[in-house]
Protein backbone atom coordinates (compact mmCIF):
# COMPACT_ATOMS: atom_id res chain seq x y z
CA MET A 1 48.45 -60.63 30.59
CA ARG A 2 49.26 -56.91 29.35
CA GLU A 3 52.07 -56.56 27.17
CA TYR A 4 54.19 -53.33 27.39
CA ASP A 5 56.15 -51.88 24.45
CA LEU A 6 59.58 -51.27 26.22
CA SER A 7 61.59 -50.55 23.04
CA ASP A 8 62.06 -46.87 24.02
CA ALA A 9 62.45 -47.66 27.70
CA ARG A 10 64.98 -45.49 29.57
CA TRP A 11 66.66 -48.10 31.98
CA ARG A 12 68.62 -47.20 35.17
CA LYS A 13 70.43 -49.09 37.74
CA SER A 14 68.45 -49.57 40.82
CA SER A 15 69.63 -47.75 43.83
CA TYR A 16 69.58 -51.14 45.70
CA SER A 17 71.98 -52.69 43.26
CA ASN A 18 75.56 -53.40 44.25
CA GLY A 19 77.94 -50.66 43.00
CA GLU A 20 80.72 -53.23 42.34
CA GLY A 21 79.45 -54.76 39.23
CA GLY A 22 77.63 -57.49 40.90
CA SER A 23 73.71 -58.17 41.75
CA CYS A 24 72.73 -55.28 39.23
CA VAL A 25 69.08 -54.97 38.78
CA GLU A 26 67.79 -52.09 36.27
CA VAL A 27 64.19 -50.78 36.23
CA ALA A 28 62.50 -48.59 33.69
CA ASP A 29 60.66 -45.41 34.74
CA GLY A 30 57.72 -43.86 33.00
CA VAL A 31 55.33 -47.09 32.39
CA PRO A 32 52.23 -46.07 34.20
CA GLY A 33 51.12 -48.31 36.71
CA ALA A 34 54.15 -50.69 36.40
CA VAL A 35 57.83 -50.98 37.10
CA PRO A 36 59.77 -53.16 34.48
CA VAL A 37 62.65 -55.01 35.88
CA ARG A 38 65.76 -56.72 34.27
CA ASP A 39 69.19 -58.07 34.93
CA SER A 40 71.59 -55.35 33.57
CA LYS A 41 74.10 -58.13 32.61
CA VAL A 42 71.41 -59.59 30.11
CA THR A 43 69.76 -56.63 28.72
CA GLY A 44 68.16 -58.62 25.94
CA GLY A 45 66.94 -61.18 28.41
CA PRO A 46 63.48 -61.38 30.12
CA VAL A 47 61.88 -58.55 31.93
CA VAL A 48 59.71 -58.80 34.80
CA VAL A 49 56.91 -56.12 34.93
CA VAL A 50 55.66 -55.47 38.52
CA GLY A 51 52.72 -53.45 39.43
CA SER A 52 53.81 -50.03 41.06
CA ALA A 53 52.09 -50.77 44.34
CA ALA A 54 53.68 -54.29 44.57
CA TRP A 55 57.21 -52.61 43.82
CA THR A 56 56.66 -50.16 46.35
CA GLU A 57 55.69 -52.87 49.02
CA PHE A 58 58.69 -54.76 47.79
CA LEU A 59 61.10 -51.77 48.41
CA ARG A 60 59.62 -51.24 51.84
CA THR A 61 60.21 -54.85 52.78
CA VAL A 62 63.68 -55.33 51.29
CA GLY A 63 65.09 -51.83 51.82
CA PRO A 64 65.99 -52.29 55.41
CA LEU A 65 67.44 -55.75 54.65
CA ALA A 66 69.62 -54.37 51.98
CA SER A 67 71.29 -52.13 54.50
CA ARG A 68 72.42 -54.79 56.74
């Protein structure tokens, strides 16, 4: 398993997060080939690192569901 140094990561709230304070997911940009994901309410908690291609497919799949 590859380790990533995310100490300087710039986190941003995902555009798919609820703007009303709930279901907040943050992602970090600038990690080649990967997308780190965390819960914005637990910034010191665990981070899931997803491959870029898998993240793109995930968004393609859930994007239409999120707008329902």
